[in-house]
Amino acid sequence: MKKFLIPILGVILGATSGYLYWQQIGCSSGTCMITSKPLNSTIYGAVMGYLVFGLIEDLIKKR
């Protein structure tokens, strides 16, 4: 379980950030692919959080 803690944390924080970005900034015209719908923005944020936290985890392990 400890092995998956950092990636899960990245997904949760990324999804939350993606949703908040849609809620606060979003896309007023509705033509933006990522920010026009909350689901798209949340999924995009979750993927980005997973990738960024995975990269940070790898960098920490290499040191």
PDB file of N, CA and C in Angstrom:
ATOM      1  N   MET A   1       0.828  -1.201   0.000  1.00  0.00           N
ATOM      2  CA  MET A   1       0.000   0.000   0.000  1.00  0.00           C
ATOM      3  C   MET A   1       0.869   1.262   0.000  1.00  0.00           C
ATOM      4  N   LYS A   2       1.989   1.202   0.717  1.00  0.00           N
ATOM      5  CA  LYS A   2       2.873   2.360   0.795  1.00  0.00           C
ATOM      6  C   LYS A   2       3.448   2.701  -0.577  1.00  0.00           C
ATOM      7  N   LYS A   3       3.578   1.682  -1.429  1.00  0.00           N
ATOM      8  CA  LYS A   3       4.121   1.879  -2.775  1.00  0.00           C
ATOM      9  C   LYS A   3       3.224   2.790  -3.619  1.00  0.00           C
ATOM     10  N   PHE A   4       1.937   2.721  -3.396  1.00  0.00           N
ATOM     11  CA  PHE A   4       0.974   3.475  -4.200  1.00  0.00           C
ATOM     12  C   PHE A   4       0.532   4.789  -3.567  1.00  0.00           C
ATOM     13  N   LEU A   5       1.084   5.136  -2.435  1.00  0.00           N
ATOM     14  CA  LEU A   5       0.636   6.318  -1.713  1.00  0.00           C
ATOM     15  C   LEU A   5       0.899   7.610  -2.490  1.00  0.00           C
ATOM     16  N   ILE A   6       2.084   7.789  -3.015  1.00  0.00           N
ATOM     17  CA  ILE A   6       2.419   9.024  -3.733  1.00  0.00           C
ATOM     18  C   ILE A   6       1.627   9.149  -5.037  1.00  0.00           C
ATOM     19  N   PRO A   7       1.521   8.077  -5.870  1.00  0.00           N
ATOM     20  CA  PRO A   7       0.691   8.219  -7.081  1.00  0.00           C
ATOM     21  C   PRO A   7      -0.788   8.492  -6.782  1.00  0.00           C
ATOM     22  N   ILE A   8      -1.323   7.863  -5.757  1.00  0.00           N
ATOM     23  CA  ILE A   8      -2.727   8.101  -5.396  1.00  0.00           C
ATOM     24  C   ILE A   8      -2.910   9.539  -4.920  1.00  0.00           C
ATOM     25  N   LEU A   9      -1.967  10.025  -4.141  1.00  0.00           N
ATOM     26  CA  LEU A   9      -2.014  11.411  -3.683  1.00  0.00           C
ATOM     27  C   LEU A   9      -1.959  12.369  -4.875  1.00  0.00           C
ATOM     28  N   GLY A  10      -1.119  12.046  -5.862  1.00  0.00           N
ATOM     29  CA  GLY A  10      -1.028  12.865  -7.073  1.00  0.00           C
ATOM     30  C   GLY A  10      -2.328  12.894  -7.848  1.00  0.00           C
ATOM     31  N   VAL A  11      -2.983  11.743  -7.964  1.00  0.00           N
ATOM     32  CA  VAL A  11      -4.265  11.677  -8.680  1.00  0.00           C
ATOM     33  C   VAL A  11      -5.325  12.486  -7.953  1.00  0.00           C
ATOM     34  N   ILE A  12      -5.384  12.363  -6.645  1.00  0.00           N
ATOM     35  CA  ILE A  12      -6.400  13.096  -5.868  1.00  0.00           C
ATOM     36  C   ILE A  12      -6.179  14.602  -5.957  1.00  0.00           C
ATOM     37  N   LEU A  13      -4.942  15.033  -5.752  1.00  0.00           N
ATOM     38  CA  LEU A  13      -4.656  16.472  -5.822  1.00  0.00           C
ATOM     39  C   LEU A  13      -4.839  17.009  -7.242  1.00  0.00           C
ATOM     40  N   GLY A  14      -4.439  16.227  -8.230  1.00  0.00           N
ATOM     41  CA  GLY A  14      -4.602  16.653  -9.615  1.00  0.00           C
ATOM     42  C   GLY A  14      -6.062  16.755 -10.019  1.00  0.00           C
ATOM     43  N   ALA A  15      -6.864  15.773  -9.626  1.00  0.00           N
ATOM     44  CA  ALA A  15      -8.290  15.806  -9.950  1.00  0.00           C
ATOM     45  C   ALA A  15      -8.977  16.987  -9.266  1.00  0.00           C
ATOM     46  N   THR A  16      -8.621  17.232  -8.022  1.00  0.00           N
ATOM     47  CA  THR A  16      -9.187  18.372  -7.308  1.00  0.00           C
ATOM     48  C   THR A  16      -8.794  19.684  -7.976  1.00  0.00           C
ATOM     49  N   SER A  17      -7.528  19.769  -8.351  1.00  0.00           N
ATOM     50  CA  SER A  17      -7.049  20.981  -9.032  1.00  0.00           C
ATOM     51  C   SER A  17      -7.744  21.176 -10.376  1.00  0.00           C
ATOM     52  N   GLY A  18      -7.921  20.098 -11.118  1.00  0.00           N
ATOM     53  CA  GLY A  18      -8.602  20.189 -12.407  1.00  0.00           C
ATOM     54  C   GLY A  18     -10.037  20.650 -12.260  1.00  0.00           C
ATOM     55  N   TYR A  19     -10.732  20.118 -11.267  1.00  0.00           N
ATOM     56  CA  TYR A  19     -12.115  20.535 -11.041  1.00  0.00           C
ATOM     57  C   TYR A  19     -12.190  21.996 -10.611  1.00  0.00           C
ATOM     58  N   LEU A  20     -11.304  22.385  -9.696  1.00  0.00           N
ATOM     59  CA  LEU A  20     -11.300  23.782  -9.251  1.00  0.00           C
ATOM     60  C   LEU A  20     -10.936  24.732 -10.382  1.00  0.00           C
ATOM     61  N   TYR A  21     -10.065  24.300 -11.274  1.00  0.00           N
ATOM     62  CA  TYR A  21      -9.729  25.127 -12.426  1.00  0.00           C
ATOM     63  C   TYR A  21     -10.964  25.323 -13.301  1.00  0.00           C
ATOM     64  N   TRP A  22     -11.715  24.240 -13.532  1.00  0.00           N
ATOM     65  CA  TRP A  22     -12.948  24.354 -14.325  1.00  0.00           C
ATOM     66  C   TRP A  22     -13.942  25.279 -13.631  1.00  0.00           C
ATOM     67  N   GLN A  23     -14.065  25.137 -12.318  1.00  0.00           N
ATOM     68  CA  GLN A  23     -15.047  25.925 -11.570  1.00  0.00           C
ATOM     69  C   GLN A  23     -14.674  27.404 -11.536  1.00  0.00           C
ATOM     70  N   GLN A  24     -13.423  27.716 -11.310  1.00  0.00           N
ATOM     71  CA  GLN A  24     -13.010  29.106 -11.128  1.00  0.00           C
ATOM     72  C   GLN A  24     -12.696  29.821 -12.444  1.00  0.00           C
ATOM     73  N   ILE A  25     -12.062  29.127 -13.390  1.00  0.00           N
ATOM     74  CA  ILE A  25     -11.630  29.757 -14.630  1.00  0.00           C
ATOM     75  C   ILE A  25     -12.449  29.247 -15.801  1.00  0.00           C
ATOM     76  N   GLY A  26     -12.402  27.945 -16.029  1.00  0.00           N
ATOM     77  CA  GLY A  26     -13.215  27.306 -17.052  1.00  0.00           C
ATOM     78  C   GLY A  26     -13.057  27.881 -18.440  1.00  0.00           C
ATOM     79  N   CYS A  27     -14.102  27.684 -19.242  1.00  0.00           N
ATOM     80  CA  CYS A  27     -14.111  28.154 -20.621  1.00  0.00           C
ATOM     81  C   CYS A  27     -15.469  28.788 -20.879  1.00  0.00           C
ATOM     82  N   SER A  28     -15.484  30.060 -21.079  1.00  0.00           N
ATOM     83  CA  SER A  28     -16.757  30.770 -21.211  1.00  0.00           C
ATOM     84  C   SER A  28     -17.476  30.471 -22.524  1.00  0.00           C
ATOM     85  N   SER A  29     -16.726  30.156 -23.577  1.00  0.00           N
ATOM     86  CA  SER A  29     -17.371  29.919 -24.875  1.00  0.00           C
ATOM     87  C   SER A  29     -17.859  28.478 -25.035  1.00  0.00           C
ATOM     88  N   GLY A  30     -17.300  27.544 -24.270  1.00  0.00           N
ATOM     89  CA  GLY A  30     -17.696  26.147 -24.372  1.00  0.00           C
ATOM     90  C   GLY A  30     -16.997  25.392 -25.481  1.00  0.00           C
ATOM     91  N   THR A  31     -16.033  26.007 -26.141  1.00  0.00           N
ATOM     92  CA  THR A  31     -15.335  25.343 -27.240  1.00  0.00           C
ATOM     93  C   THR A  31     -13.987  24.770 -26.841  1.00  0.00           C
ATOM     94  N   CYS A  32     -13.559  24.989 -25.628  1.00  0.00           N
ATOM     95  CA  CYS A  32     -12.270  24.473 -25.165  1.00  0.00           C
ATOM     96  C   CYS A  32     -12.414  22.973 -24.889  1.00  0.00           C
ATOM     97  N   MET A  33     -11.485  22.199 -25.416  1.00  0.00           N
ATOM     98  CA  MET A  33     -11.581  20.737 -25.281  1.00  0.00           C
ATOM     99  C   MET A  33     -11.479  20.271 -23.830  1.00  0.00           C
ATOM    100  N   ILE A  34     -10.563  20.825 -23.092  1.00  0.00           N
ATOM    101  CA  ILE A  34     -10.313  20.325 -21.742  1.00  0.00           C
ATOM    102  C   ILE A  34     -11.200  21.012 -20.707  1.00  0.00           C
ATOM    103  N   THR A  35     -11.343  22.303 -20.794  1.00  0.00           N
ATOM    104  CA  THR A  35     -12.007  23.035 -19.709  1.00  0.00           C
ATOM    105  C   THR A  35     -13.478  23.332 -19.954  1.00  0.00           C
ATOM    106  N   SER A  36     -14.065  22.785 -21.014  1.00  0.00           N
ATOM    107  CA  SER A  36     -15.472  23.078 -21.267  1.00  0.00           C
ATOM    108  C   SER A  36     -16.406  22.257 -20.377  1.00  0.00           C
ATOM    109  N   LYS A  37     -15.942  21.092 -19.911  1.00  0.00           N
ATOM    110  CA  LYS A  37     -16.762  20.227 -19.061  1.00  0.00           C
ATOM    111  C   LYS A  37     -15.976  19.864 -17.808  1.00  0.00           C
ATOM    112  N   PRO A  38     -16.657  19.740 -16.674  1.00  0.00           N
ATOM    113  CA  PRO A  38     -15.926  19.429 -15.440  1.00  0.00           C
ATOM    114  C   PRO A  38     -15.275  18.045 -15.463  1.00  0.00           C
ATOM    115  N   LEU A  39     -15.891  17.082 -16.121  1.00  0.00           N
ATOM    116  CA  LEU A  39     -15.315  15.736 -16.179  1.00  0.00           C
ATOM    117  C   LEU A  39     -13.991  15.740 -16.936  1.00  0.00           C
ATOM    118  N   ASN A  40     -13.955  16.425 -18.065  1.00  0.00           N
ATOM    119  CA  ASN A  40     -12.718  16.498 -18.845  1.00  0.00           C
ATOM    120  C   ASN A  40     -11.603  17.152 -18.045  1.00  0.00           C
ATOM    121  N   SER A  41     -11.912  18.242 -17.410  1.00  0.00           N
ATOM    122  CA  SER A  41     -10.925  18.972 -16.632  1.00  0.00           C
ATOM    123  C   SER A  41     -10.435  18.155 -15.436  1.00  0.00           C
ATOM    124  N   THR A  42     -11.338  17.440 -14.793  1.00  0.00           N
ATOM    125  CA  THR A  42     -10.979  16.609 -13.643  1.00  0.00           C
ATOM    126  C   THR A  42     -10.087  15.449 -14.063  1.00  0.00           C
ATOM    127  N   ILE A  43     -10.434  14.785 -15.148  1.00  0.00           N
ATOM    128  CA  ILE A  43      -9.620  13.665 -15.631  1.00  0.00           C
ATOM    129  C   ILE A  43      -8.243  14.155 -16.073  1.00  0.00           C
ATOM    130  N   TYR A  44      -8.201  15.257 -16.783  1.00  0.00           N
ATOM    131  CA  TYR A  44      -6.921  15.821 -17.214  1.00  0.00           C
ATOM    132  C   TYR A  44      -6.042  16.168 -16.006  1.00  0.00           C
ATOM    133  N   GLY A  45      -6.636  16.771 -15.003  1.00  0.00           N
ATOM    134  CA  GLY A  45      -5.899  17.099 -13.791  1.00  0.00           C
ATOM    135  C   GLY A  45      -5.387  15.854 -13.072  1.00  0.00           C
ATOM    136  N   ALA A  46      -6.208  14.809 -13.034  1.00  0.00           N
ATOM    137  CA  ALA A  46      -5.799  13.563 -12.386  1.00  0.00           C
ATOM    138  C   ALA A  46      -4.610  12.928 -13.110  1.00  0.00           C
ATOM    139  N   VAL A  47      -4.656  12.918 -14.420  1.00  0.00           N
ATOM    140  CA  VAL A  47      -3.549  12.352 -15.205  1.00  0.00           C
ATOM    141  C   VAL A  47      -2.279  13.177 -15.002  1.00  0.00           C
ATOM    142  N   MET A  48      -2.416  14.492 -15.048  1.00  0.00           N
ATOM    143  CA  MET A  48      -1.244  15.352 -14.850  1.00  0.00           C
ATOM    144  C   MET A  48      -0.682  15.194 -13.432  1.00  0.00           C
ATOM    145  N   GLY A  49      -1.551  15.083 -12.437  1.00  0.00           N
ATOM    146  CA  GLY A  49      -1.097  14.866 -11.064  1.00  0.00           C
ATOM    147  C   GLY A  49      -0.357  13.554 -10.914  1.00  0.00           C
ATOM    148  N   TYR A  50      -0.868  12.512 -11.544  1.00  0.00           N
ATOM    149  CA  TYR A  50      -0.205  11.201 -11.510  1.00  0.00           C
ATOM    150  C   TYR A  50       1.181  11.281 -12.146  1.00  0.00           C
ATOM    151  N   LEU A  51       1.279  11.927 -13.295  1.00  0.00           N
ATOM    152  CA  LEU A  51       2.561  12.033 -13.993  1.00  0.00           C
ATOM    153  C   LEU A  51       3.569  12.880 -13.220  1.00  0.00           C
ATOM    154  N   VAL A  52       3.129  14.019 -12.713  1.00  0.00           N
ATOM    155  CA  VAL A  52       4.042  14.905 -11.986  1.00  0.00           C
ATOM    156  C   VAL A  52       4.512  14.254 -10.687  1.00  0.00           C
ATOM    157  N   PHE A  53       3.599  13.669  -9.930  1.00  0.00           N
ATOM    158  CA  PHE A  53       3.992  13.047  -8.679  1.00  0.00           C
ATOM    159  C   PHE A  53       4.843  11.807  -8.934  1.00  0.00           C
ATOM    160  N   GLY A  54       4.594  11.099 -10.031  1.00  0.00           N
ATOM    161  CA  GLY A  54       5.450   9.970 -10.404  1.00  0.00           C
ATOM    162  C   GLY A  54       6.859  10.423 -10.727  1.00  0.00           C
ATOM    163  N   LEU A  55       6.976  11.532 -11.414  1.00  0.00           N
ATOM    164  CA  LEU A  55       8.285  12.094 -11.743  1.00  0.00           C
ATOM    165  C   LEU A  55       9.016  12.525 -10.472  1.00  0.00           C
ATOM    166  N   ILE A  56       8.312  13.172  -9.572  1.00  0.00           N
ATOM    167  CA  ILE A  56       8.919  13.597  -8.308  1.00  0.00           C
ATOM    168  C   ILE A  56       9.361  12.386  -7.495  1.00  0.00           C
ATOM    169  N   GLU A  57       8.533  11.347  -7.481  1.00  0.00           N
ATOM    170  CA  GLU A  57       8.875  10.133  -6.748  1.00  0.00           C
ATOM    171  C   GLU A  57      10.142   9.495  -7.327  1.00  0.00           C
ATOM    172  N   ASP A  58      10.259   9.437  -8.627  1.00  0.00           N
ATOM    173  CA  ASP A  58      11.460   8.888  -9.264  1.00  0.00           C
ATOM    174  C   ASP A  58      12.697   9.706  -8.940  1.00  0.00           C
ATOM    175  N   LEU A  59      12.570  11.013  -8.950  1.00  0.00           N
ATOM    176  CA  LEU A  59      13.703  11.875  -8.633  1.00  0.00           C
ATOM    177  C   LEU A  59      14.159  11.697  -7.186  1.00  0.00           C
ATOM    178  N   ILE A  60      13.204  11.525  -6.289  1.00  0.00           N
ATOM    179  CA  ILE A  60      13.537  11.325  -4.875  1.00  0.00           C
ATOM    180  C   ILE A  60      14.245   9.971  -4.691  1.00  0.00           C
ATOM    181  N   LYS A  61      13.762   8.940  -5.375  1.00  0.00           N
ATOM    182  CA  LYS A  61      14.362   7.608  -5.238  1.00  0.00           C
ATOM    183  C   LYS A  61      15.780   7.562  -5.795  1.00  0.00           C
ATOM    184  N   LYS A  62      16.060   8.332  -6.838  1.00  0.00           N
ATOM    185  CA  LYS A  62      17.388   8.325  -7.440  1.00  0.00           C
ATOM    186  C   LYS A  62      18.422   9.004  -6.554  1.00  0.00           C
ATOM    187  N   ARG A  63      18.007   9.892  -5.691  1.00  0.00           N
ATOM    188  CA  ARG A  63      18.948  10.572  -4.786  1.00  0.00           C
ATOM    189  C   ARG A  63      19.188   9.693  -3.644  1.00  0.00           C
TER     190      ARG A  63
END
